[in-house]
PDB file of N, CA and C in Angstrom:
ATOM      1  N   MET A   1     -62.175 -22.147  65.240  1.00  0.00           N
ATOM      2  CA  MET A   1     -61.564 -21.569  64.106  1.00  0.00           C
ATOM      3  C   MET A   1     -60.257 -20.978  64.547  1.00  0.00           C
ATOM      4  N   ALA A   2     -59.182 -21.282  63.728  1.00  0.00           N
ATOM      5  CA  ALA A   2     -57.823 -20.805  63.985  1.00  0.00           C
ATOM      6  C   ALA A   2     -57.793 -19.359  63.595  1.00  0.00           C
ATOM      7  N   GLY A   3     -56.742 -18.708  64.070  1.00  0.00           N
ATOM      8  CA  GLY A   3     -56.534 -17.243  63.670  1.00  0.00           C
ATOM      9  C   GLY A   3     -56.719 -16.347  64.782  1.00  0.00           C
ATOM     10  N   ASP A   4     -56.840 -15.100  64.385  1.00  0.00           N
ATOM     11  CA  ASP A   4     -56.983 -14.017  65.488  1.00  0.00           C
ATOM     12  C   ASP A   4     -58.314 -14.070  66.110  1.00  0.00           C
ATOM     13  N   PRO A   5     -58.385 -14.214  67.421  1.00  0.00           N
ATOM     14  CA  PRO A   5     -59.760 -14.362  68.117  1.00  0.00           C
ATOM     15  C   PRO A   5     -60.540 -13.013  68.056  1.00  0.00           C
ATOM     16  N   ARG A   6     -59.947 -11.942  67.665  1.00  0.00           N
ATOM     17  CA  ARG A   6     -60.659 -10.708  67.483  1.00  0.00           C
ATOM     18  C   ARG A   6     -61.320 -10.508  66.122  1.00  0.00           C
ATOM     19  N   TRP A   7     -61.027 -11.444  65.215  1.00  0.00           N
ATOM     20  CA  TRP A   7     -61.625 -11.392  63.847  1.00  0.00           C
ATOM     21  C   TRP A   7     -63.212 -11.376  63.870  1.00  0.00           C
ATOM     22  N   PRO A   8     -63.892 -12.216  64.560  1.00  0.00           N
ATOM     23  CA  PRO A   8     -65.360 -12.141  64.560  1.00  0.00           C
ATOM     24  C   PRO A   8     -65.948 -10.794  64.853  1.00  0.00           C
ATOM     25  N   ALA A   9     -65.453 -10.172  65.921  1.00  0.00           N
ATOM     26  CA  ALA A   9     -65.946  -8.848  66.248  1.00  0.00           C
ATOM     27  C   ALA A   9     -65.610  -7.796  65.238  1.00  0.00           C
ATOM     28  N   PHE A  10     -64.406  -7.851  64.662  1.00  0.00           N
ATOM     29  CA  PHE A  10     -63.922  -6.925  63.660  1.00  0.00           C
ATOM     30  C   PHE A  10     -64.854  -7.117  62.422  1.00  0.00           C
ATOM     31  N   ALA A  11     -65.003  -8.354  62.005  1.00  0.00           N
ATOM     32  CA  ALA A  11     -65.802  -8.649  60.813  1.00  0.00           C
ATOM     33  C   ALA A  11     -67.236  -8.067  60.949  1.00  0.00           C
ATOM     34  N   ARG A  12     -67.858  -8.346  62.079  1.00  0.00           N
ATOM     35  CA  ARG A  12     -69.215  -7.840  62.359  1.00  0.00           C
ATOM     36  C   ARG A  12     -69.336  -6.294  62.350  1.00  0.00           C
ATOM     37  N   SER A  13     -68.236  -5.691  62.919  1.00  0.00           N
ATOM     38  CA  SER A  13     -68.234  -4.204  62.940  1.00  0.00           C
ATOM     39  C   SER A  13     -68.077  -3.569  61.601  1.00  0.00           C
ATOM     40  N   TYR A  14     -67.335  -4.218  60.633  1.00  0.00           N
ATOM     41  CA  TYR A  14     -67.104  -3.671  59.333  1.00  0.00           C
ATOM     42  C   TYR A  14     -67.771  -4.356  58.161  1.00  0.00           C
ATOM     43  N   GLY A  15     -68.773  -5.198  58.480  1.00  0.00           N
ATOM     44  CA  GLY A  15     -69.557  -5.787  57.397  1.00  0.00           C
ATOM     45  C   GLY A  15     -68.918  -6.972  56.684  1.00  0.00           C
ATOM     46  N   PHE A  16     -67.922  -7.645  57.272  1.00  0.00           N
ATOM     47  CA  PHE A  16     -67.337  -8.880  56.667  1.00  0.00           C
ATOM     48  C   PHE A  16     -68.067 -10.053  57.264  1.00  0.00           C
ATOM     49  N   ASP A  17     -67.902 -11.164  56.528  1.00  0.00           N
ATOM     50  CA  ASP A  17     -68.472 -12.434  56.972  1.00  0.00           C
ATOM     51  C   ASP A  17     -67.492 -13.067  57.978  1.00  0.00           C
ATOM     52  N   PRO A  18     -67.918 -13.233  59.248  1.00  0.00           N
ATOM     53  CA  PRO A  18     -67.000 -13.753  60.338  1.00  0.00           C
ATOM     54  C   PRO A  18     -66.533 -15.156  60.026  1.00  0.00           C
ATOM     55  N   ARG A  19     -67.280 -15.880  59.109  1.00  0.00           N
ATOM     56  CA  ARG A  19     -66.920 -17.277  58.785  1.00  0.00           C
ATOM     57  C   ARG A  19     -65.921 -17.286  57.733  1.00  0.00           C
ATOM     58  N   ARG A  20     -65.554 -16.185  57.124  1.00  0.00           N
ATOM     59  CA  ARG A  20     -64.618 -16.180  55.996  1.00  0.00           C
ATOM     60  C   ARG A  20     -63.541 -15.073  56.229  1.00  0.00           C
ATOM     61  N   PRO A  21     -62.562 -15.479  57.014  1.00  0.00           N
ATOM     62  CA  PRO A  21     -61.501 -14.489  57.364  1.00  0.00           C
ATOM     63  C   PRO A  21     -60.767 -14.052  56.078  1.00  0.00           C
ATOM     64  N   VAL A  22     -60.438 -12.713  56.104  1.00  0.00           N
ATOM     65  CA  VAL A  22     -59.599 -12.121  55.057  1.00  0.00           C
ATOM     66  C   VAL A  22     -58.421 -11.496  55.682  1.00  0.00           C
ATOM     67  N   GLN A  23     -57.345 -11.307  54.893  1.00  0.00           N
ATOM     68  CA  GLN A  23     -56.222 -10.630  55.376  1.00  0.00           C
ATOM     69  C   GLN A  23     -55.546  -9.718  54.289  1.00  0.00           C
ATOM     70  N   TRP A  24     -55.000  -8.810  54.669  1.00  0.00           N
ATOM     71  CA  TRP A  24     -54.231  -7.916  53.682  1.00  0.00           C
ATOM     72  C   TRP A  24     -52.759  -7.847  54.172  1.00  0.00           C
ATOM     73  N   GLU A  25     -51.954  -7.975  53.161  1.00  0.00           N
ATOM     74  CA  GLU A  25     -50.532  -7.914  53.349  1.00  0.00           C
ATOM     75  C   GLU A  25     -49.989  -6.636  52.750  1.00  0.00           C
ATOM     76  N   VAL A  26     -50.054  -5.580  53.640  1.00  0.00           N
ATOM     77  CA  VAL A  26     -49.691  -4.295  53.106  1.00  0.00           C
ATOM     78  C   VAL A  26     -48.211  -4.096  52.788  1.00  0.00           C
ATOM     79  N   GLU A  27     -47.368  -4.971  53.435  1.00  0.00           N
ATOM     80  CA  GLU A  27     -45.951  -4.856  53.249  1.00  0.00           C
ATOM     81  C   GLU A  27     -45.633  -5.247  51.699  1.00  0.00           C
ATOM     82  N   ALA A  28     -46.556  -5.892  51.097  1.00  0.00           N
ATOM     83  CA  ALA A  28     -46.342  -6.331  49.651  1.00  0.00           C
ATOM     84  C   ALA A  28     -46.611  -5.104  48.749  1.00  0.00           C
ATOM     85  N   LEU A  29     -47.178  -4.055  49.166  1.00  0.00           N
ATOM     86  CA  LEU A  29     -47.360  -2.942  48.407  1.00  0.00           C
ATOM     87  C   LEU A  29     -46.163  -2.025  48.343  1.00  0.00           C
ATOM     88  N   GLU A  30     -45.988  -1.386  47.154  1.00  0.00           N
ATOM     89  CA  GLU A  30     -44.972  -0.402  47.086  1.00  0.00           C
ATOM     90  C   GLU A  30     -45.204   0.764  48.109  1.00  0.00           C
ATOM     91  N   PRO A  31     -44.213   1.342  48.774  1.00  0.00           N
ATOM     92  CA  PRO A  31     -44.426   2.361  49.804  1.00  0.00           C
ATOM     93  C   PRO A  31     -45.349   3.530  49.247  1.00  0.00           C
ATOM     94  N   ALA A  32     -45.050   3.965  47.957  1.00  0.00           N
ATOM     95  CA  ALA A  32     -45.868   5.112  47.416  1.00  0.00           C
ATOM     96  C   ALA A  32     -47.303   4.694  47.272  1.00  0.00           C
ATOM     97  N   GLU A  33     -47.628   3.411  46.826  1.00  0.00           N
ATOM     98  CA  GLU A  33     -48.938   2.958  46.679  1.00  0.00           C
ATOM     99  C   GLU A  33     -49.674   2.921  48.057  1.00  0.00           C
ATOM    100  N   LEU A  34     -48.980   2.395  48.988  1.00  0.00           N
ATOM    101  CA  LEU A  34     -49.530   2.290  50.374  1.00  0.00           C
ATOM    102  C   LEU A  34     -49.818   3.707  50.891  1.00  0.00           C
ATOM    103  N   ARG A  35     -48.898   4.635  50.679  1.00  0.00           N
ATOM    104  CA  ARG A  35     -49.131   6.049  51.139  1.00  0.00           C
ATOM    105  C   ARG A  35     -50.383   6.598  50.434  1.00  0.00           C
ATOM    106  N   ARG A  36     -50.516   6.401  49.119  1.00  0.00           N
ATOM    107  CA  ARG A  36     -51.622   6.925  48.363  1.00  0.00           C
ATOM    108  C   ARG A  36     -52.959   6.266  48.889  1.00  0.00           C
ATOM    109  N   LEU A  37     -52.978   4.999  49.191  1.00  0.00           N
ATOM    110  CA  LEU A  37     -54.227   4.397  49.659  1.00  0.00           C
ATOM    111  C   LEU A  37     -54.610   4.975  50.995  1.00  0.00           C
ATOM    112  N   VAL A  38     -53.604   5.074  51.933  1.00  0.00           N
ATOM    113  CA  VAL A  38     -53.909   5.563  53.211  1.00  0.00           C
ATOM    114  C   VAL A  38     -54.384   7.022  53.217  1.00  0.00           C
ATOM    115  N   LEU A  39     -53.738   7.865  52.346  1.00  0.00           N
ATOM    116  CA  LEU A  39     -54.147   9.249  52.340  1.00  0.00           C
ATOM    117  C   LEU A  39     -55.538   9.373  51.697  1.00  0.00           C
ATOM    118  N   ALA A  40     -55.827   8.541  50.648  1.00  0.00           N
ATOM    119  CA  ALA A  40     -57.078   8.611  50.047  1.00  0.00           C
ATOM    120  C   ALA A  40     -58.178   8.195  51.001  1.00  0.00           C
ATOM    121  N   ALA A  41     -57.896   7.171  51.885  1.00  0.00           N
ATOM    122  CA  ALA A  41     -58.928   6.689  52.863  1.00  0.00           C
ATOM    123  C   ALA A  41     -59.113   7.764  53.900  1.00  0.00           C
ATOM    124  N   ASP A  42     -58.046   8.512  54.318  1.00  0.00           N
ATOM    125  CA  ASP A  42     -58.170   9.501  55.366  1.00  0.00           C
ATOM    126  C   ASP A  42     -58.777  10.789  54.907  1.00  0.00           C
ATOM    127  N   ASP A  43     -58.617  11.128  53.682  1.00  0.00           N
ATOM    128  CA  ASP A  43     -58.938  12.407  53.043  1.00  0.00           C
ATOM    129  C   ASP A  43     -60.399  12.871  53.470  1.00  0.00           C
ATOM    130  N   PRO A  44     -61.339  12.136  53.393  1.00  0.00           N
ATOM    131  CA  PRO A  44     -62.755  12.581  53.811  1.00  0.00           C
ATOM    132  C   PRO A  44     -62.894  12.991  55.250  1.00  0.00           C
ATOM    133  N   TYR A  45     -61.940  12.635  56.050  1.00  0.00           N
ATOM    134  CA  TYR A  45     -62.048  12.859  57.556  1.00  0.00           C
ATOM    135  C   TYR A  45     -61.191  13.938  58.038  1.00  0.00           C
ATOM    136  N   VAL A  46     -60.310  14.505  57.060  1.00  0.00           N
ATOM    137  CA  VAL A  46     -59.416  15.594  57.483  1.00  0.00           C
ATOM    138  C   VAL A  46     -60.019  16.946  57.371  1.00  0.00           C
ATOM    139  N   ASP A  47     -59.980  17.667  58.446  1.00  0.00           N
ATOM    140  CA  ASP A  47     -60.440  19.061  58.399  1.00  0.00           C
ATOM    141  C   ASP A  47     -59.268  19.979  57.948  1.00  0.00           C
ATOM    142  N   ARG A  48     -59.294  20.386  56.724  1.00  0.00           N
ATOM    143  CA  ARG A  48     -58.155  21.084  56.147  1.00  0.00           C
ATOM    144  C   ARG A  48     -57.816  22.372  56.879  1.00  0.00           C
ATOM    145  N   ASP A  49     -58.748  23.129  57.408  1.00  0.00           N
ATOM    146  CA  ASP A  49     -58.515  24.326  58.187  1.00  0.00           C
ATOM    147  C   ASP A  49     -57.726  23.912  59.513  1.00  0.00           C
ATOM    148  N   VAL A  50     -58.172  22.941  60.193  1.00  0.00           N
ATOM    149  CA  VAL A  50     -57.526  22.504  61.393  1.00  0.00           C
ATOM    150  C   VAL A  50     -56.123  21.979  61.129  1.00  0.00           C
ATOM    151  N   LEU A  51     -55.907  21.232  59.991  1.00  0.00           N
ATOM    152  CA  LEU A  51     -54.654  20.794  59.581  1.00  0.00           C
ATOM    153  C   LEU A  51     -53.678  21.952  59.276  1.00  0.00           C
ATOM    154  N   ALA A  52     -54.184  22.894  58.588  1.00  0.00           N
ATOM    155  CA  ALA A  52     -53.339  24.036  58.185  1.00  0.00           C
ATOM    156  C   ALA A  52     -52.875  24.786  59.392  1.00  0.00           C
ATOM    157  N   ARG A  53     -53.823  24.986  60.338  1.00  0.00           N
ATOM    158  CA  ARG A  53     -53.457  25.697  61.633  1.00  0.00           C
ATOM    159  C   ARG A  53     -52.434  24.958  62.435  1.00  0.00           C
ATOM    160  N   GLN A  54     -52.580  23.572  62.424  1.00  0.00           N
ATOM    161  CA  GLN A  54     -51.616  22.769  63.201  1.00  0.00           C
ATOM    162  C   GLN A  54     -50.231  22.826  62.569  1.00  0.00           C
ATOM    163  N   ILE A  55     -50.173  22.726  61.209  1.00  0.00           N
ATOM    164  CA  ILE A  55     -48.903  22.762  60.508  1.00  0.00           C
ATOM    165  C   ILE A  55     -48.260  24.070  60.826  1.00  0.00           C
ATOM    166  N   ALA A  56     -49.025  25.165  60.792  1.00  0.00           N
ATOM    167  CA  ALA A  56     -48.407  26.480  61.022  1.00  0.00           C
ATOM    168  C   ALA A  56     -47.904  26.595  62.430  1.00  0.00           C
ATOM    169  N   ARG A  57     -48.670  26.029  63.418  1.00  0.00           N
ATOM    170  CA  ARG A  57     -48.199  26.084  64.788  1.00  0.00           C
ATOM    171  C   ARG A  57     -46.884  25.254  64.897  1.00  0.00           C
ATOM    172  N   GLU A  58     -46.769  24.104  64.268  1.00  0.00           N
ATOM    173  CA  GLU A  58     -45.597  23.276  64.387  1.00  0.00           C
ATOM    174  C   GLU A  58     -44.376  24.056  63.819  1.00  0.00           C
ATOM    175  N   GLU A  59     -44.584  24.719  62.713  1.00  0.00           N
ATOM    176  CA  GLU A  59     -43.519  25.520  62.075  1.00  0.00           C
ATOM    177  C   GLU A  59     -43.058  26.656  63.063  1.00  0.00           C
ATOM    178  N   GLU A  60     -43.986  27.220  63.723  1.00  0.00           N
ATOM    179  CA  GLU A  60     -43.671  28.294  64.683  1.00  0.00           C
ATOM    180  C   GLU A  60     -42.780  27.757  65.808  1.00  0.00           C
ATOM    181  N   GLN A  61     -43.195  26.592  66.303  1.00  0.00           N
ATOM    182  CA  GLN A  61     -42.495  25.950  67.332  1.00  0.00           C
ATOM    183  C   GLN A  61     -41.109  25.529  66.897  1.00  0.00           C
ATOM    184  N   ARG A  62     -40.937  25.065  65.676  1.00  0.00           N
ATOM    185  CA  ARG A  62     -39.609  24.662  65.154  1.00  0.00           C
ATOM    186  C   ARG A  62     -38.739  25.897  65.108  1.00  0.00           C
ATOM    187  N   ARG A  63     -39.267  27.086  64.618  1.00  0.00           N
ATOM    188  CA  ARG A  63     -38.510  28.326  64.558  1.00  0.00           C
ATOM    189  C   ARG A  63     -38.094  28.816  65.941  1.00  0.00           C
ATOM    190  N   ALA A  64     -38.962  28.734  66.842  1.00  0.00           N
ATOM    191  CA  ALA A  64     -38.717  29.184  68.211  1.00  0.00           C
ATOM    192  C   ALA A  64     -37.585  28.261  68.934  1.00  0.00           C
ATOM    193  N   LEU A  65     -37.643  26.948  68.621  1.00  0.00           N
ATOM    194  CA  LEU A  65     -36.620  26.078  69.202  1.00  0.00           C
ATOM    195  C   LEU A  65     -35.369  26.013  68.489  1.00  0.00           C
ATOM    196  N   ALA A  66     -35.255  26.414  67.311  1.00  0.00           N
ATOM    197  CA  ALA A  66     -34.104  26.296  66.421  1.00  0.00           C
ATOM    198  C   ALA A  66     -32.746  26.768  67.144  1.00  0.00           C
ATOM    199  N   PRO A  67     -32.834  27.850  67.789  1.00  0.00           N
ATOM    200  CA  PRO A  67     -31.547  28.260  68.438  1.00  0.00           C
ATOM    201  C   PRO A  67     -30.965  27.322  69.513  1.00  0.00           C
ATOM    202  N   PHE A  68     -31.833  26.501  70.032  1.00  0.00           N
ATOM    203  CA  PHE A  68     -31.414  25.518  71.087  1.00  0.00           C
ATOM    204  C   PHE A  68     -30.854  24.209  70.655  1.00  0.00           C
ATOM    205  N   TRP A  69     -30.942  24.037  69.359  1.00  0.00           N
ATOM    206  CA  TRP A  69     -30.533  22.712  68.813  1.00  0.00           C
ATOM    207  C   TRP A  69     -29.386  22.826  67.797  1.00  0.00           C
ATOM    208  N   THR A  70     -28.559  21.858  67.879  1.00  0.00           N
ATOM    209  CA  THR A  70     -27.478  21.898  66.906  1.00  0.00           C
ATOM    210  C   THR A  70     -28.075  21.562  65.506  1.00  0.00           C
ATOM    211  N   VAL A  71     -27.294  21.849  64.462  1.00  0.00           N
ATOM    212  CA  VAL A  71     -27.876  21.608  63.177  1.00  0.00           C
ATOM    213  C   VAL A  71     -27.423  20.218  62.714  1.00  0.00           C
ATOM    214  N   GLY A  72     -28.415  19.534  62.155  1.00  0.00           N
ATOM    215  CA  GLY A  72     -28.135  18.216  61.558  1.00  0.00           C
ATOM    216  C   GLY A  72     -28.251  17.151  62.571  1.00  0.00           C
ATOM    217  N   ILE A  73     -28.102  15.868  62.095  1.00  0.00           N
ATOM    218  CA  ILE A  73     -28.189  14.699  62.859  1.00  0.00           C
ATOM    219  C   ILE A  73     -26.761  14.121  62.935  1.00  0.00           C
ATOM    220  N   VAL A  74     -26.340  13.717  64.137  1.00  0.00           N
ATOM    221  CA  VAL A  74     -25.017  13.208  64.257  1.00  0.00           C
ATOM    222  C   VAL A  74     -24.962  11.699  63.681  1.00  0.00           C
ATOM    223  N   PRO A  75     -23.810  11.310  63.257  1.00  0.00           N
ATOM    224  CA  PRO A  75     -23.712   9.979  62.773  1.00  0.00           C
ATOM    225  C   PRO A  75     -24.302   8.910  63.638  1.00  0.00           C
ATOM    226  N   GLY A  76     -24.918   8.012  63.135  1.00  0.00           N
ATOM    227  CA  GLY A  76     -25.568   6.947  63.896  1.00  0.00           C
ATOM    228  C   GLY A  76     -27.047   7.227  64.172  1.00  0.00           C
ATOM    229  N   GLY A  77     -27.530   8.430  63.616  1.00  0.00           N
ATOM    230  CA  GLY A  77     -28.898   8.732  63.776  1.00  0.00           C
ATOM    231  C   GLY A  77     -29.366   9.208  65.046  1.00  0.00           C
ATOM    232  N   GLN A  78     -28.449   9.631  65.983  1.00  0.00           N
ATOM    233  CA  GLN A  78     -28.790  10.044  67.373  1.00  0.00           C
ATOM    234  C   GLN A  78     -29.387  11.425  67.208  1.00  0.00           C
ATOM    235  N   VAL A  79     -30.303  11.723  68.118  1.00  0.00           N
ATOM    236  CA  VAL A  79     -30.923  13.105  68.187  1.00  0.00           C
ATOM    237  C   VAL A  79     -29.838  14.080  68.681  1.00  0.00           C
ATOM    238  N   PRO A  80     -29.680  15.206  68.051  1.00  0.00           N
ATOM    239  CA  PRO A  80     -28.644  16.144  68.567  1.00  0.00           C
ATOM    240  C   PRO A  80     -29.023  16.625  69.968  1.00  0.00           C
ATOM    241  N   GLN A  81     -27.988  16.854  70.729  1.00  0.00           N
ATOM    242  CA  GLN A  81     -28.204  17.389  72.086  1.00  0.00           C
ATOM    243  C   GLN A  81     -28.419  18.953  72.004  1.00  0.00           C
ATOM    244  N   PRO A  82     -29.350  19.442  72.908  1.00  0.00           N
ATOM    245  CA  PRO A  82     -29.562  20.873  72.815  1.00  0.00           C
ATOM    246  C   PRO A  82     -28.255  21.625  73.039  1.00  0.00           C
ATOM    247  N   ALA A  83     -28.014  22.701  72.251  1.00  0.00           N
ATOM    248  CA  ALA A  83     -26.715  23.431  72.417  1.00  0.00           C
ATOM    249  C   ALA A  83     -26.559  24.025  73.790  1.00  0.00           C
ATOM    250  N   CYS A  84     -27.655  24.359  74.434  1.00  0.00           N
ATOM    251  CA  CYS A  84     -27.590  24.938  75.784  1.00  0.00           C
ATOM    252  C   CYS A  84     -27.160  23.970  76.842  1.00  0.00           C
ATOM    253  N   LEU A  85     -27.238  22.670  76.525  1.00  0.00           N
ATOM    254  CA  LEU A  85     -26.857  21.607  77.511  1.00  0.00           C
ATOM    255  C   LEU A  85     -25.394  21.085  77.241  1.00  0.00           C
ATOM    256  N   LYS A  86     -24.813  21.490  76.166  1.00  0.00           N
ATOM    257  CA  LYS A  86     -23.495  20.891  75.805  1.00  0.00           C
ATOM    258  C   LYS A  86     -22.447  21.370  76.825  1.00  0.00           C
ATOM    259  N   ARG A  87     -21.564  20.352  77.100  1.00  0.00           N
ATOM    260  CA  ARG A  87     -20.458  20.710  78.013  1.00  0.00           C
ATOM    261  C   ARG A  87     -19.390  21.503  77.347  1.00  0.00           C
ATOM    262  N   VAL A  88     -18.768  22.373  78.038  1.00  0.00           N
ATOM    263  CA  VAL A  88     -17.784  23.215  77.419  1.00  0.00           C
ATOM    264  C   VAL A  88     -16.491  22.470  77.491  1.00  0.00           C
TER     265      VAL A  88
END
């Protein structure tokens, strides 16, 4: 059988017929629809309390690090250099 040699194991694991390969072309979906589908599939597995704590922690870290970074992105999409490392 031509195709991905991992297909039979994947098919058996997820209840598909190994003799009838299927494929999904997610790049054909609009980005908003793909995002909606992924978030809907993830939703039952997300612990909202843990997520809220993690988001708050990341915000605290951003605020703490803000003085060390220049504001904005330089042309070309490069990551700004920490202000404390800039040459005078």
